[in-house]
Amino acid sequence: MIATAANQITATREQLIAGAVRELAAELRLIDPSDYIALLTLGHVTSLDDIISSSIELYFKPHALQFCCTGDCSTSWGAPPIILLDFEFSHDGVFVFFRLHLHARKPTVALHSVSFEKAGPDPGANTQALEHALANARLSTAGRAP
């Protein structure tokens, strides 16, 4: 029962993060998967960091979300590629490490870890703190370039 509750909390948090990075993921999907595959497999993460950081700047306040310069790609002959990119979120006392999965369907998130500067005993309240931090870290629509 405890594992089920923990799994539900993790799933809820992953959905919150996925929702917060939805526009960023759409922007990142404009890059051809073969470019990601080449940059990741050849170790050109500095170039990849420049591309991803430029996209992050459109949607998040400075330093709130950063590409961790790590990732992977899943390729096979029978399926479209999946690009896996690692990110760090840090805002309003909430710290999150997650992996963004870019694939043919909607992007998904795998939560690696989350911590709270002022964690409380109630996981629901901590999840609300995450939701608030994600919302507060986003740039307003008015602040974005057309």
C-alpha atoms as a PDB file:
ATOM      1  CA  MET A   1       0.000   0.000   0.000  1.00  0.00           C
ATOM      2  CA  ILE A   2       2.829   2.411   0.830  1.00  0.00           C
ATOM      3  CA  ALA A   3       4.520   1.709  -2.500  1.00  0.00           C
ATOM      4  CA  THR A   4       1.251   2.374  -4.326  1.00  0.00           C
ATOM      5  CA  ALA A   5       0.825   5.738  -2.580  1.00  0.00           C
ATOM      6  CA  ALA A   6       4.438   6.663  -3.346  1.00  0.00           C
ATOM      7  CA  ASN A   7       3.956   5.644  -6.979  1.00  0.00           C
ATOM      8  CA  GLN A   8       0.855   7.850  -7.194  1.00  0.00           C
ATOM      9  CA  ILE A   9       2.722  10.818  -5.706  1.00  0.00           C
ATOM     10  CA  THR A  10       5.562  10.308  -8.196  1.00  0.00           C
ATOM     11  CA  ALA A  11       3.117  10.010 -11.102  1.00  0.00           C
ATOM     12  CA  THR A  12       1.337  13.202 -10.051  1.00  0.00           C
ATOM     13  CA  ARG A  13       4.625  15.065  -9.791  1.00  0.00           C
ATOM     14  CA  GLU A  14       5.768  13.765 -13.181  1.00  0.00           C
ATOM     15  CA  GLN A  15       2.514  15.003 -14.719  1.00  0.00           C
ATOM     16  CA  LEU A  16       3.021  18.442 -13.152  1.00  0.00           C
ATOM     17  CA  ILE A  17       6.549  18.673 -14.527  1.00  0.00           C
ATOM     18  CA  ALA A  18       5.461  17.405 -17.951  1.00  0.00           C
ATOM     19  CA  GLY A  19       2.755  20.062 -18.045  1.00  0.00           C
ATOM     20  CA  ALA A  20       5.206  22.788 -17.079  1.00  0.00           C
ATOM     21  CA  VAL A  21       7.679  21.818 -19.811  1.00  0.00           C
ATOM     22  CA  ARG A  22       5.081  21.021 -22.505  1.00  0.00           C
ATOM     23  CA  GLU A  23       5.837  24.145 -24.584  1.00  0.00           C
ATOM     24  CA  LEU A  24       9.573  23.664 -24.155  1.00  0.00           C
ATOM     25  CA  ALA A  25       9.246  20.050 -25.287  1.00  0.00           C
ATOM     26  CA  ALA A  26       7.303  21.183 -28.366  1.00  0.00           C
ATOM     27  CA  GLU A  27      10.100  23.634 -29.138  1.00  0.00           C
ATOM     28  CA  LEU A  28      12.749  20.935 -28.673  1.00  0.00           C
ATOM     29  CA  ARG A  29      10.851  18.592 -30.980  1.00  0.00           C
ATOM     30  CA  LEU A  30      11.469  21.062 -33.818  1.00  0.00           C
ATOM     31  CA  ILE A  31      15.043  19.787 -33.848  1.00  0.00           C
ATOM     32  CA  ASP A  32      15.482  16.708 -36.015  1.00  0.00           C
ATOM     33  CA  PRO A  33      16.030  13.550 -33.952  1.00  0.00           C
ATOM     34  CA  SER A  34      19.097  12.709 -36.032  1.00  0.00           C
ATOM     35  CA  ASP A  35      20.735  15.922 -34.788  1.00  0.00           C
ATOM     36  CA  TYR A  36      20.151  14.876 -31.169  1.00  0.00           C
ATOM     37  CA  ILE A  37      21.453  11.395 -31.912  1.00  0.00           C
ATOM     38  CA  ALA A  38      24.613  12.770 -33.522  1.00  0.00           C
ATOM     39  CA  LEU A  39      25.288  15.322 -30.778  1.00  0.00           C
ATOM     40  CA  LEU A  40      24.673  12.844 -27.966  1.00  0.00           C
ATOM     41  CA  THR A  41      26.594   9.919 -29.425  1.00  0.00           C
ATOM     42  CA  LEU A  42      29.554  12.032 -30.556  1.00  0.00           C
ATOM     43  CA  GLY A  43      29.745  13.816 -27.198  1.00  0.00           C
ATOM     44  CA  HIS A  44      29.018  17.321 -28.498  1.00  0.00           C
ATOM     45  CA  VAL A  45      26.977  18.249 -25.432  1.00  0.00           C
ATOM     46  CA  THR A  46      28.246  21.837 -25.418  1.00  0.00           C
ATOM     47  CA  SER A  47      26.530  22.450 -28.750  1.00  0.00           C
ATOM     48  CA  LEU A  48      23.433  20.670 -27.500  1.00  0.00           C
ATOM     49  CA  ASP A  49      23.492  22.744 -24.314  1.00  0.00           C
ATOM     50  CA  ASP A  50      23.544  25.966 -26.363  1.00  0.00           C
ATOM     51  CA  ILE A  51      20.523  24.854 -28.391  1.00  0.00           C
ATOM     52  CA  ILE A  52      18.516  23.659 -25.405  1.00  0.00           C
ATOM     53  CA  SER A  53      19.428  26.637 -23.201  1.00  0.00           C
ATOM     54  CA  SER A  54      18.229  29.019 -25.909  1.00  0.00           C
ATOM     55  CA  SER A  55      14.879  27.238 -25.894  1.00  0.00           C
ATOM     56  CA  ILE A  56      14.651  27.226 -22.093  1.00  0.00           C
ATOM     57  CA  GLU A  57      15.108  31.016 -22.035  1.00  0.00           C
ATOM     58  CA  LEU A  58      11.828  31.403 -23.927  1.00  0.00           C
ATOM     59  CA  TYR A  59       9.750  29.723 -21.230  1.00  0.00           C
ATOM     60  CA  PHE A  60      11.510  29.872 -17.853  1.00  0.00           C
ATOM     61  CA  LYS A  61      13.074  32.495 -15.624  1.00  0.00           C
ATOM     62  CA  PRO A  62      16.885  32.536 -15.588  1.00  0.00           C
ATOM     63  CA  HIS A  63      18.486  29.597 -13.748  1.00  0.00           C
ATOM     64  CA  ALA A  64      15.152  27.942 -12.906  1.00  0.00           C
ATOM     65  CA  LEU A  65      15.599  25.144 -15.432  1.00  0.00           C
ATOM     66  CA  GLN A  66      18.886  23.897 -16.785  1.00  0.00           C
ATOM     67  CA  PHE A  67      19.934  21.140 -19.149  1.00  0.00           C
ATOM     68  CA  CYS A  68      22.289  18.792 -17.272  1.00  0.00           C
ATOM     69  CA  CYS A  69      24.415  18.138 -20.380  1.00  0.00           C
ATOM     70  CA  THR A  70      23.484  14.473 -20.257  1.00  0.00           C
ATOM     71  CA  GLY A  71      21.053  12.417 -22.198  1.00  0.00           C
ATOM     72  CA  ASP A  72      20.594   9.399 -24.349  1.00  0.00           C
ATOM     73  CA  CYS A  73      18.749   8.186 -27.397  1.00  0.00           C
ATOM     74  CA  SER A  74      16.792   5.032 -27.940  1.00  0.00           C
ATOM     75  CA  THR A  75      16.814   3.855 -31.519  1.00  0.00           C
ATOM     76  CA  SER A  76      15.790   0.643 -33.188  1.00  0.00           C
ATOM     77  CA  TRP A  77      14.874  -0.455 -36.681  1.00  0.00           C
ATOM     78  CA  GLY A  78      11.236  -0.957 -35.812  1.00  0.00           C
ATOM     79  CA  ALA A  79      10.335   2.171 -33.858  1.00  0.00           C
ATOM     80  CA  PRO A  80      10.746   5.935 -34.023  1.00  0.00           C
ATOM     81  CA  PRO A  81      13.659   7.300 -31.991  1.00  0.00           C
ATOM     82  CA  ILE A  82      13.218   8.498 -28.428  1.00  0.00           C
ATOM     83  CA  ILE A  83      15.436  11.335 -27.250  1.00  0.00           C
ATOM     84  CA  LEU A  84      16.124  11.399 -23.503  1.00  0.00           C
ATOM     85  CA  LEU A  85      17.382  14.655 -21.973  1.00  0.00           C
ATOM     86  CA  ASP A  86      18.245  15.313 -18.324  1.00  0.00           C
ATOM     87  CA  PHE A  87      17.228  18.526 -16.581  1.00  0.00           C
ATOM     88  CA  GLU A  88      17.590  20.220 -13.228  1.00  0.00           C
ATOM     89  CA  PHE A  89      14.860  22.485 -11.888  1.00  0.00           C
ATOM     90  CA  SER A  90      15.590  24.790  -8.974  1.00  0.00           C
ATOM     91  CA  HIS A  91      13.182  27.505  -7.898  1.00  0.00           C
ATOM     92  CA  ASP A  92      11.451  28.682  -4.710  1.00  0.00           C
ATOM     93  CA  GLY A  93      13.194  26.074  -2.575  1.00  0.00           C
ATOM     94  CA  VAL A  94      12.202  23.137  -4.782  1.00  0.00           C
ATOM     95  CA  PHE A  95      14.906  21.061  -6.452  1.00  0.00           C
ATOM     96  CA  VAL A  96      14.103  18.467  -9.116  1.00  0.00           C
ATOM     97  CA  PHE A  97      16.133  16.227 -11.374  1.00  0.00           C
ATOM     98  CA  PHE A  98      14.189  14.648 -14.212  1.00  0.00           C
ATOM     99  CA  ARG A  99      14.531  13.120 -17.640  1.00  0.00           C
ATOM    100  CA  LEU A 100      12.442  14.450 -20.510  1.00  0.00           C
ATOM    101  CA  HIS A 101      11.460  11.818 -23.090  1.00  0.00           C
ATOM    102  CA  LEU A 102      10.887  13.282 -26.552  1.00  0.00           C
ATOM    103  CA  HIS A 103       9.183  10.808 -28.850  1.00  0.00           C
ATOM    104  CA  ALA A 104       6.539  10.567 -31.548  1.00  0.00           C
ATOM    105  CA  ARG A 105       3.714  10.753 -29.009  1.00  0.00           C
ATOM    106  CA  LYS A 106       3.436  13.441 -26.387  1.00  0.00           C
ATOM    107  CA  PRO A 107       6.566  13.997 -24.303  1.00  0.00           C
ATOM    108  CA  THR A 108       6.817  12.331 -20.908  1.00  0.00           C
ATOM    109  CA  VAL A 109       8.885  12.875 -17.800  1.00  0.00           C
ATOM    110  CA  ALA A 110      10.710  10.442 -15.531  1.00  0.00           C
ATOM    111  CA  LEU A 111      11.358  11.942 -12.106  1.00  0.00           C
ATOM    112  CA  HIS A 112      14.795  11.104 -10.706  1.00  0.00           C
ATOM    113  CA  SER A 113      14.627  13.056  -7.463  1.00  0.00           C
ATOM    114  CA  VAL A 114      12.826  15.918  -5.820  1.00  0.00           C
ATOM    115  CA  SER A 115      13.683  17.747  -2.626  1.00  0.00           C
ATOM    116  CA  PHE A 116      12.190  20.660  -0.783  1.00  0.00           C
ATOM    117  CA  GLU A 117      14.039  23.275   1.194  1.00  0.00           C
ATOM    118  CA  LYS A 118      11.096  23.390   3.587  1.00  0.00           C
ATOM    119  CA  ALA A 119       9.683  19.891   3.228  1.00  0.00           C
ATOM    120  CA  GLY A 120       6.656  19.152   5.309  1.00  0.00           C
ATOM    121  CA  PRO A 121       5.318  15.834   6.520  1.00  0.00           C
ATOM    122  CA  ASP A 122       2.391  15.950   4.071  1.00  0.00           C
ATOM    123  CA  PRO A 123       3.386  14.725   0.582  1.00  0.00           C
ATOM    124  CA  GLY A 124       0.327  16.482  -0.870  1.00  0.00           C
ATOM    125  CA  ALA A 125       1.488  19.827   0.504  1.00  0.00           C
ATOM    126  CA  ASN A 126       4.970  19.183  -0.879  1.00  0.00           C
ATOM    127  CA  THR A 127       3.442  18.405  -4.280  1.00  0.00           C
ATOM    128  CA  GLN A 128       1.552  21.701  -4.092  1.00  0.00           C
ATOM    129  CA  ALA A 129       4.877  23.444  -3.355  1.00  0.00           C
ATOM    130  CA  LEU A 130       6.275  21.823  -6.507  1.00  0.00           C
ATOM    131  CA  GLU A 131       3.277  22.959  -8.528  1.00  0.00           C
ATOM    132  CA  HIS A 132       3.634  26.518  -7.213  1.00  0.00           C
ATOM    133  CA  ALA A 133       7.395  26.595  -7.897  1.00  0.00           C
ATOM    134  CA  LEU A 134       6.899  25.346 -11.454  1.00  0.00           C
ATOM    135  CA  ALA A 135       4.219  27.967 -12.135  1.00  0.00           C
ATOM    136  CA  ASN A 136       6.285  30.745 -10.565  1.00  0.00           C
ATOM    137  CA  ALA A 137       9.383  29.785 -12.573  1.00  0.00           C
ATOM    138  CA  ARG A 138       7.636  30.141 -15.911  1.00  0.00           C
ATOM    139  CA  LEU A 139       7.814  33.360 -17.866  1.00  0.00           C
ATOM    140  CA  SER A 140       4.481  34.996 -18.439  1.00  0.00           C
ATOM    141  CA  THR A 141       3.028  34.769 -21.936  1.00  0.00           C
ATOM    142  CA  ALA A 142       3.461  38.534 -22.265  1.00  0.00           C
ATOM    143  CA  GLY A 143       7.200  38.169 -21.593  1.00  0.00           C
ATOM    144  CA  ARG A 144       7.814  35.805 -24.490  1.00  0.00           C
ATOM    145  CA  ALA A 145       8.921  36.681 -27.961  1.00  0.00           C
ATOM    146  CA  PRO A 146       6.155  36.420 -30.602  1.00  0.00           C
END
